[in-house]
Amino acid sequence: MLRWQALYTNAATPIHALEPVMPVAHDAQGDSKWQAQLKELEAMGFTNRELNVEVLERYQGRLLRVVNYLSEMAADPAPTAMEAE
């Protein structure tokens, strides 16, 4: 019973909080590694290839997580210098 309660009492955390956020070095190999996913992302309107490769590396090619992350970024732009103060 305690095990079941533990499973259902934890609050859900945002997807990007589940994995470490670290810069990932990538090269031409990264582009070819994710070629199919990059084509799908481009068809969805995510055209920043460098960012797409970085996020694909971070989420190990899990396209749903990548799309969720990129969508959240687009919906919640970074604060400007004035807003940060």
PDB file of N, CA and C in Angstrom:
ATOM      1  N   MET A   1       0.821  -1.193   0.000  1.00  0.00           N
ATOM      2  CA  MET A   1       0.000   0.000   0.000  1.00  0.00           C
ATOM      3  C   MET A   1       0.865   1.256   0.000  1.00  0.00           C
ATOM      4  N   LEU A   2       1.910   1.277   0.789  1.00  0.00           N
ATOM      5  CA  LEU A   2       2.779   2.450   0.823  1.00  0.00           C
ATOM      6  C   LEU A   2       3.434   2.690  -0.526  1.00  0.00           C
ATOM      7  N   ARG A   3       3.800   1.620  -1.194  1.00  0.00           N
ATOM      8  CA  ARG A   3       4.421   1.767  -2.507  1.00  0.00           C
ATOM      9  C   ARG A   3       3.457   2.429  -3.488  1.00  0.00           C
ATOM     10  N   TRP A   4       2.211   1.998  -3.496  1.00  0.00           N
ATOM     11  CA  TRP A   4       1.205   2.568  -4.377  1.00  0.00           C
ATOM     12  C   TRP A   4       1.003   4.043  -4.069  1.00  0.00           C
ATOM     13  N   GLN A   5       0.927   4.394  -2.787  1.00  0.00           N
ATOM     14  CA  GLN A   5       0.741   5.785  -2.395  1.00  0.00           C
ATOM     15  C   GLN A   5       1.913   6.641  -2.841  1.00  0.00           C
ATOM     16  N   ALA A   6       3.112   6.121  -2.735  1.00  0.00           N
ATOM     17  CA  ALA A   6       4.293   6.879  -3.141  1.00  0.00           C
ATOM     18  C   ALA A   6       4.269   7.174  -4.631  1.00  0.00           C
ATOM     19  N   LEU A   7       3.747   6.250  -5.417  1.00  0.00           N
ATOM     20  CA  LEU A   7       3.691   6.454  -6.864  1.00  0.00           C
ATOM     21  C   LEU A   7       2.736   7.571  -7.250  1.00  0.00           C
ATOM     22  N   TYR A   8       1.655   7.725  -6.514  1.00  0.00           N
ATOM     23  CA  TYR A   8       0.624   8.670  -6.906  1.00  0.00           C
ATOM     24  C   TYR A   8       0.617   9.975  -6.121  1.00  0.00           C
ATOM     25  N   THR A   9       1.485  10.114  -5.150  1.00  0.00           N
ATOM     26  CA  THR A   9       1.485  11.354  -4.383  1.00  0.00           C
ATOM     27  C   THR A   9       2.548  12.336  -4.839  1.00  0.00           C
ATOM     28  N   ASN A  10       3.504  11.899  -5.636  1.00  0.00           N
ATOM     29  CA  ASN A  10       4.539  12.812  -6.119  1.00  0.00           C
ATOM     30  C   ASN A  10       3.979  13.715  -7.203  1.00  0.00           C
ATOM     31  N   ALA A  11       4.274  14.983  -7.098  1.00  0.00           N
ATOM     32  CA  ALA A  11       3.816  15.940  -8.109  1.00  0.00           C
ATOM     33  C   ALA A  11       4.642  15.770  -9.377  1.00  0.00           C
ATOM     34  N   ALA A  12       4.005  15.968 -10.505  1.00  0.00           N
ATOM     35  CA  ALA A  12       4.711  15.882 -11.780  1.00  0.00           C
ATOM     36  C   ALA A  12       5.651  17.067 -11.931  1.00  0.00           C
ATOM     37  N   THR A  13       6.793  16.818 -12.516  1.00  0.00           N
ATOM     38  CA  THR A  13       7.758  17.881 -12.759  1.00  0.00           C
ATOM     39  C   THR A  13       7.834  18.158 -14.246  1.00  0.00           C
ATOM     40  N   PRO A  14       8.231  19.354 -14.637  1.00  0.00           N
ATOM     41  CA  PRO A  14       8.363  19.657 -16.063  1.00  0.00           C
ATOM     42  C   PRO A  14       9.363  18.721 -16.725  1.00  0.00           C
ATOM     43  N   ILE A  15       9.140  18.439 -17.989  1.00  0.00           N
ATOM     44  CA  ILE A  15       9.994  17.515 -18.727  1.00  0.00           C
ATOM     45  C   ILE A  15      11.448  17.935 -18.672  1.00  0.00           C
ATOM     46  N   HIS A  16      11.722  19.208 -18.903  1.00  0.00           N
ATOM     47  CA  HIS A  16      13.114  19.621 -18.971  1.00  0.00           C
ATOM     48  C   HIS A  16      13.789  19.658 -17.608  1.00  0.00           C
ATOM     49  N   ALA A  17      13.055  19.430 -16.537  1.00  0.00           N
ATOM     50  CA  ALA A  17      13.676  19.361 -15.214  1.00  0.00           C
ATOM     51  C   ALA A  17      14.117  17.939 -14.886  1.00  0.00           C
ATOM     52  N   LEU A  18      13.716  16.974 -15.689  1.00  0.00           N
ATOM     53  CA  LEU A  18      14.057  15.588 -15.422  1.00  0.00           C
ATOM     54  C   LEU A  18      15.486  15.248 -15.793  1.00  0.00           C
ATOM     55  N   GLU A  19      16.038  15.952 -16.720  1.00  0.00           N
ATOM     56  CA  GLU A  19      17.369  15.632 -17.191  1.00  0.00           C
ATOM     57  C   GLU A  19      18.273  16.842 -17.027  1.00  0.00           C
ATOM     58  N   PRO A  20      19.550  16.613 -16.827  1.00  0.00           N
ATOM     59  CA  PRO A  20      20.464  17.743 -16.644  1.00  0.00           C
ATOM     60  C   PRO A  20      20.508  18.631 -17.876  1.00  0.00           C
ATOM     61  N   VAL A  21      20.640  19.907 -17.628  1.00  0.00           N
ATOM     62  CA  VAL A  21      20.737  20.862 -18.721  1.00  0.00           C
ATOM     63  C   VAL A  21      22.202  21.243 -18.850  1.00  0.00           C
ATOM     64  N   MET A  22      22.852  20.629 -19.810  1.00  0.00           N
ATOM     65  CA  MET A  22      24.262  20.898 -20.045  1.00  0.00           C
ATOM     66  C   MET A  22      24.463  21.153 -21.529  1.00  0.00           C
ATOM     67  N   PRO A  23      25.364  22.049 -21.864  1.00  0.00           N
ATOM     68  CA  PRO A  23      25.659  22.238 -23.274  1.00  0.00           C
ATOM     69  C   PRO A  23      26.242  20.956 -23.854  1.00  0.00           C
ATOM     70  N   VAL A  24      25.791  20.613 -25.035  1.00  0.00           N
ATOM     71  CA  VAL A  24      26.246  19.389 -25.672  1.00  0.00           C
ATOM     72  C   VAL A  24      27.026  19.755 -26.920  1.00  0.00           C
ATOM     73  N   ALA A  25      28.245  19.268 -26.999  1.00  0.00           N
ATOM     74  CA  ALA A  25      29.046  19.508 -28.198  1.00  0.00           C
ATOM     75  C   ALA A  25      28.529  18.594 -29.300  1.00  0.00           C
ATOM     76  N   HIS A  26      28.361  19.141 -30.479  1.00  0.00           N
ATOM     77  CA  HIS A  26      27.930  18.318 -31.594  1.00  0.00           C
ATOM     78  C   HIS A  26      28.660  18.753 -32.851  1.00  0.00           C
ATOM     79  N   ASP A  27      28.635  17.885 -33.828  1.00  0.00           N
ATOM     80  CA  ASP A  27      29.329  18.158 -35.077  1.00  0.00           C
ATOM     81  C   ASP A  27      28.492  17.620 -36.224  1.00  0.00           C
ATOM     82  N   ALA A  28      29.116  17.454 -37.364  1.00  0.00           N
ATOM     83  CA  ALA A  28      28.400  16.946 -38.531  1.00  0.00           C
ATOM     84  C   ALA A  28      27.846  15.554 -38.264  1.00  0.00           C
ATOM     85  N   GLN A  29      28.520  14.768 -37.417  1.00  0.00           N
ATOM     86  CA  GLN A  29      28.035  13.436 -37.081  1.00  0.00           C
ATOM     87  C   GLN A  29      26.684  13.529 -36.376  1.00  0.00           C
ATOM     88  N   GLY A  30      26.517  14.511 -35.516  1.00  0.00           N
ATOM     89  CA  GLY A  30      25.242  14.705 -34.831  1.00  0.00           C
ATOM     90  C   GLY A  30      24.121  14.980 -35.814  1.00  0.00           C
ATOM     91  N   ASP A  31      24.417  15.764 -36.857  1.00  0.00           N
ATOM     92  CA  ASP A  31      23.414  16.053 -37.874  1.00  0.00           C
ATOM     93  C   ASP A  31      22.956  14.775 -38.573  1.00  0.00           C
ATOM     94  N   SER A  32      23.910  13.926 -38.969  1.00  0.00           N
ATOM     95  CA  SER A  32      23.543  12.706 -39.683  1.00  0.00           C
ATOM     96  C   SER A  32      22.885  11.699 -38.748  1.00  0.00           C
ATOM     97  N   LYS A  33      23.274  11.723 -37.483  1.00  0.00           N
ATOM     98  CA  LYS A  33      22.700  10.815 -36.488  1.00  0.00           C
ATOM     99  C   LYS A  33      21.201  11.052 -36.327  1.00  0.00           C
ATOM    100  N   TRP A  34      20.785  12.305 -36.420  1.00  0.00           N
ATOM    101  CA  TRP A  34      19.394  12.674 -36.187  1.00  0.00           C
ATOM    102  C   TRP A  34      18.693  13.112 -37.475  1.00  0.00           C
ATOM    103  N   GLN A  35      19.153  12.668 -38.620  1.00  0.00           N
ATOM    104  CA  GLN A  35      18.636  13.148 -39.905  1.00  0.00           C
ATOM    105  C   GLN A  35      17.112  13.029 -40.006  1.00  0.00           C
ATOM    106  N   ALA A  36      16.558  11.880 -39.657  1.00  0.00           N
ATOM    107  CA  ALA A  36      15.105  11.685 -39.773  1.00  0.00           C
ATOM    108  C   ALA A  36      14.349  12.632 -38.840  1.00  0.00           C
ATOM    109  N   GLN A  37      14.834  12.763 -37.608  1.00  0.00           N
ATOM    110  CA  GLN A  37      14.173  13.646 -36.645  1.00  0.00           C
ATOM    111  C   GLN A  37      14.289  15.103 -37.071  1.00  0.00           C
ATOM    112  N   LEU A  38      15.445  15.488 -37.621  1.00  0.00           N
ATOM    113  CA  LEU A  38      15.636  16.865 -38.081  1.00  0.00           C
ATOM    114  C   LEU A  38      14.666  17.205 -39.207  1.00  0.00           C
ATOM    115  N   LYS A  39      14.435  16.252 -40.104  1.00  0.00           N
ATOM    116  CA  LYS A  39      13.475  16.479 -41.191  1.00  0.00           C
ATOM    117  C   LYS A  39      12.065  16.676 -40.631  1.00  0.00           C
ATOM    118  N   GLU A  40      11.701  15.856 -39.647  1.00  0.00           N
ATOM    119  CA  GLU A  40      10.372  15.996 -39.039  1.00  0.00           C
ATOM    120  C   GLU A  40      10.230  17.331 -38.317  1.00  0.00           C
ATOM    121  N   LEU A  41      11.264  17.715 -37.577  1.00  0.00           N
ATOM    122  CA  LEU A  41      11.218  18.992 -36.861  1.00  0.00           C
ATOM    123  C   LEU A  41      11.099  20.158 -37.837  1.00  0.00           C
ATOM    124  N   GLU A  42      11.837  20.099 -38.935  1.00  0.00           N
ATOM    125  CA  GLU A  42      11.768  21.166 -39.933  1.00  0.00           C
ATOM    126  C   GLU A  42      10.371  21.238 -40.543  1.00  0.00           C
ATOM    127  N   ALA A  43       9.769  20.087 -40.803  1.00  0.00           N
ATOM    128  CA  ALA A  43       8.407  20.061 -41.352  1.00  0.00           C
ATOM    129  C   ALA A  43       7.400  20.657 -40.370  1.00  0.00           C
ATOM    130  N   MET A  44       7.703  20.575 -39.072  1.00  0.00           N
ATOM    131  CA  MET A  44       6.823  21.140 -38.044  1.00  0.00           C
ATOM    132  C   MET A  44       7.069  22.621 -37.827  1.00  0.00           C
ATOM    133  N   GLY A  45       8.100  23.166 -38.485  1.00  0.00           N
ATOM    134  CA  GLY A  45       8.376  24.592 -38.357  1.00  0.00           C
ATOM    135  C   GLY A  45       9.536  24.932 -37.442  1.00  0.00           C
ATOM    136  N   PHE A  46      10.207  23.927 -36.893  1.00  0.00           N
ATOM    137  CA  PHE A  46      11.381  24.156 -36.048  1.00  0.00           C
ATOM    138  C   PHE A  46      12.608  24.125 -36.955  1.00  0.00           C
ATOM    139  N   THR A  47      13.041  25.300 -37.399  1.00  0.00           N
ATOM    140  CA  THR A  47      14.064  25.374 -38.440  1.00  0.00           C
ATOM    141  C   THR A  47      15.468  25.677 -37.934  1.00  0.00           C
ATOM    142  N   ASN A  48      15.643  25.919 -36.654  1.00  0.00           N
ATOM    143  CA  ASN A  48      16.975  26.188 -36.104  1.00  0.00           C
ATOM    144  C   ASN A  48      17.690  24.855 -35.927  1.00  0.00           C
ATOM    145  N   ARG A  49      18.420  24.457 -36.967  1.00  0.00           N
ATOM    146  CA  ARG A  49      19.047  23.130 -37.002  1.00  0.00           C
ATOM    147  C   ARG A  49      20.022  22.920 -35.845  1.00  0.00           C
ATOM    148  N   GLU A  50      20.808  23.923 -35.525  1.00  0.00           N
ATOM    149  CA  GLU A  50      21.784  23.793 -34.441  1.00  0.00           C
ATOM    150  C   GLU A  50      21.083  23.540 -33.101  1.00  0.00           C
ATOM    151  N   LEU A  51      20.046  24.311 -32.822  1.00  0.00           N
ATOM    152  CA  LEU A  51      19.278  24.117 -31.591  1.00  0.00           C
ATOM    153  C   LEU A  51      18.596  22.752 -31.594  1.00  0.00           C
ATOM    154  N   ASN A  52      18.041  22.372 -32.736  1.00  0.00           N
ATOM    155  CA  ASN A  52      17.360  21.084 -32.835  1.00  0.00           C
ATOM    156  C   ASN A  52      18.305  19.929 -32.514  1.00  0.00           C
ATOM    157  N   VAL A  53      19.526  19.972 -33.049  1.00  0.00           N
ATOM    158  CA  VAL A  53      20.507  18.915 -32.773  1.00  0.00           C
ATOM    159  C   VAL A  53      20.851  18.897 -31.290  1.00  0.00           C
ATOM    160  N   GLU A  54      21.044  20.078 -30.710  1.00  0.00           N
ATOM    161  CA  GLU A  54      21.377  20.162 -29.286  1.00  0.00           C
ATOM    162  C   GLU A  54      20.278  19.541 -28.425  1.00  0.00           C
ATOM    163  N   VAL A  55      19.031  19.861 -28.746  1.00  0.00           N
ATOM    164  CA  VAL A  55      17.914  19.339 -27.955  1.00  0.00           C
ATOM    165  C   VAL A  55      17.716  17.842 -28.226  1.00  0.00           C
ATOM    166  N   LEU A  56      17.927  17.405 -29.463  1.00  0.00           N
ATOM    167  CA  LEU A  56      17.858  15.972 -29.765  1.00  0.00           C
ATOM    168  C   LEU A  56      18.902  15.199 -28.968  1.00  0.00           C
ATOM    169  N   GLU A  57      20.097  15.747 -28.872  1.00  0.00           N
ATOM    170  CA  GLU A  57      21.148  15.104 -28.075  1.00  0.00           C
ATOM    171  C   GLU A  57      20.737  15.050 -26.610  1.00  0.00           C
ATOM    172  N   ARG A  58      20.218  16.146 -26.107  1.00  0.00           N
ATOM    173  CA  ARG A  58      19.823  16.223 -24.691  1.00  0.00           C
ATOM    174  C   ARG A  58      18.765  15.176 -24.358  1.00  0.00           C
ATOM    175  N   TYR A  59      17.781  15.004 -25.255  1.00  0.00           N
ATOM    176  CA  TYR A  59      16.683  14.076 -25.001  1.00  0.00           C
ATOM    177  C   TYR A  59      16.850  12.759 -25.749  1.00  0.00           C
ATOM    178  N   GLN A  60      18.051  12.473 -26.198  1.00  0.00           N
ATOM    179  CA  GLN A  60      18.413  11.198 -26.825  1.00  0.00           C
ATOM    180  C   GLN A  60      17.484  10.821 -27.977  1.00  0.00           C
ATOM    181  N   GLY A  61      17.103  11.820 -28.762  1.00  0.00           N
ATOM    182  CA  GLY A  61      16.301  11.586 -29.950  1.00  0.00           C
ATOM    183  C   GLY A  61      14.820  11.375 -29.713  1.00  0.00           C
ATOM    184  N   ARG A  62      14.358  11.522 -28.495  1.00  0.00           N
ATOM    185  CA  ARG A  62      12.929  11.337 -28.198  1.00  0.00           C
ATOM    186  C   ARG A  62      12.162  12.538 -28.740  1.00  0.00           C
ATOM    187  N   LEU A  63      11.578  12.345 -29.911  1.00  0.00           N
ATOM    188  CA  LEU A  63      10.979  13.448 -30.658  1.00  0.00           C
ATOM    189  C   LEU A  63       9.857  14.145 -29.887  1.00  0.00           C
ATOM    190  N   LEU A  64       9.040  13.410 -29.176  1.00  0.00           N
ATOM    191  CA  LEU A  64       7.949  14.035 -28.421  1.00  0.00           C
ATOM    192  C   LEU A  64       8.504  14.988 -27.370  1.00  0.00           C
ATOM    193  N   ARG A  65       9.531  14.576 -26.653  1.00  0.00           N
ATOM    194  CA  ARG A  65      10.138  15.454 -25.646  1.00  0.00           C
ATOM    195  C   ARG A  65      10.783  16.671 -26.300  1.00  0.00           C
ATOM    196  N   VAL A  66      11.429  16.449 -27.436  1.00  0.00           N
ATOM    197  CA  VAL A  66      12.078  17.554 -28.150  1.00  0.00           C
ATOM    198  C   VAL A  66      11.037  18.572 -28.593  1.00  0.00           C
ATOM    199  N   VAL A  67       9.946  18.105 -29.170  1.00  0.00           N
ATOM    200  CA  VAL A  67       8.886  19.004 -29.635  1.00  0.00           C
ATOM    201  C   VAL A  67       8.265  19.745 -28.452  1.00  0.00           C
ATOM    202  N   ASN A  68       8.036  19.044 -27.349  1.00  0.00           N
ATOM    203  CA  ASN A  68       7.492  19.713 -26.158  1.00  0.00           C
ATOM    204  C   ASN A  68       8.429  20.812 -25.678  1.00  0.00           C
ATOM    205  N   TYR A  69       9.714  20.513 -25.612  1.00  0.00           N
ATOM    206  CA  TYR A  69      10.702  21.491 -25.143  1.00  0.00           C
ATOM    207  C   TYR A  69      10.750  22.704 -26.073  1.00  0.00           C
ATOM    208  N   LEU A  70      10.836  22.451 -27.382  1.00  0.00           N
ATOM    209  CA  LEU A  70      10.907  23.552 -28.343  1.00  0.00           C
ATOM    210  C   LEU A  70       9.623  24.380 -28.337  1.00  0.00           C
ATOM    211  N   SER A  71       8.495  23.734 -28.164  1.00  0.00           N
ATOM    212  CA  SER A  71       7.215  24.448 -28.107  1.00  0.00           C
ATOM    213  C   SER A  71       7.141  25.335 -26.875  1.00  0.00           C
ATOM    214  N   GLU A  72       7.614  24.814 -25.739  1.00  0.00           N
ATOM    215  CA  GLU A  72       7.625  25.618 -24.516  1.00  0.00           C
ATOM    216  C   GLU A  72       8.546  26.820 -24.672  1.00  0.00           C
ATOM    217  N   MET A  73       9.675  26.620 -25.342  1.00  0.00           N
ATOM    218  CA  MET A  73      10.602  27.733 -25.581  1.00  0.00           C
ATOM    219  C   MET A  73       9.933  28.814 -26.417  1.00  0.00           C
ATOM    220  N   ALA A  74       9.194  28.400 -27.438  1.00  0.00           N
ATOM    221  CA  ALA A  74       8.535  29.356 -28.325  1.00  0.00           C
ATOM    222  C   ALA A  74       7.402  30.081 -27.602  1.00  0.00           C
ATOM    223  N   ALA A  75       6.717  29.384 -26.708  1.00  0.00           N
ATOM    224  CA  ALA A  75       5.589  29.981 -25.992  1.00  0.00           C
ATOM    225  C   ALA A  75       6.032  30.877 -24.845  1.00  0.00           C
ATOM    226  N   ASP A  76       7.226  30.638 -24.319  1.00  0.00           N
ATOM    227  CA  ASP A  76       7.726  31.385 -23.165  1.00  0.00           C
ATOM    228  C   ASP A  76       9.086  31.979 -23.516  1.00  0.00           C
ATOM    229  N   PRO A  77       9.103  33.074 -24.285  1.00  0.00           N
ATOM    230  CA  PRO A  77      10.386  33.648 -24.692  1.00  0.00           C
ATOM    231  C   PRO A  77      11.199  34.124 -23.494  1.00  0.00           C
ATOM    232  N   ALA A  78      12.498  34.172 -23.668  1.00  0.00           N
ATOM    233  CA  ALA A  78      13.402  34.619 -22.599  1.00  0.00           C
ATOM    234  C   ALA A  78      13.099  36.070 -22.246  1.00  0.00           C
ATOM    235  N   PRO A  79      13.207  36.421 -20.976  1.00  0.00           N
ATOM    236  CA  PRO A  79      12.937  37.813 -20.584  1.00  0.00           C
ATOM    237  C   PRO A  79      13.980  38.757 -21.167  1.00  0.00           C
ATOM    238  N   THR A  80      13.539  39.952 -21.465  1.00  0.00           N
ATOM    239  CA  THR A  80      14.469  40.959 -21.958  1.00  0.00           C
ATOM    240  C   THR A  80      15.290  41.479 -20.793  1.00  0.00           C
ATOM    241  N   ALA A  81      16.295  42.283 -21.065  1.00  0.00           N
ATOM    242  CA  ALA A  81      17.152  42.826 -20.010  1.00  0.00           C
ATOM    243  C   ALA A  81      16.334  43.657 -19.025  1.00  0.00           C
ATOM    244  N   MET A  82      15.332  44.375 -19.531  1.00  0.00           N
ATOM    245  CA  MET A  82      14.505  45.203 -18.655  1.00  0.00           C
ATOM    246  C   MET A  82      13.635  44.341 -17.748  1.00  0.00           C
ATOM    247  N   GLU A  83      13.099  43.240 -18.274  1.00  0.00           N
ATOM    248  CA  GLU A  83      12.240  42.370 -17.479  1.00  0.00           C
ATOM    249  C   GLU A  83      13.034  41.623 -16.414  1.00  0.00           C
ATOM    250  N   ALA A  84      14.307  41.371 -16.675  1.00  0.00           N
ATOM    251  CA  ALA A  84      15.141  40.617 -15.740  1.00  0.00           C
ATOM    252  C   ALA A  84      15.488  41.428 -14.502  1.00  0.00           C
ATOM    253  N   GLU A  85      15.416  42.746 -14.577  1.00  0.00           N
ATOM    254  CA  GLU A  85      15.789  43.593 -13.433  1.00  0.00           C
ATOM    255  C   GLU A  85      14.781  43.582 -12.368  1.00  0.00           C
TER     256      GLU A  85
END
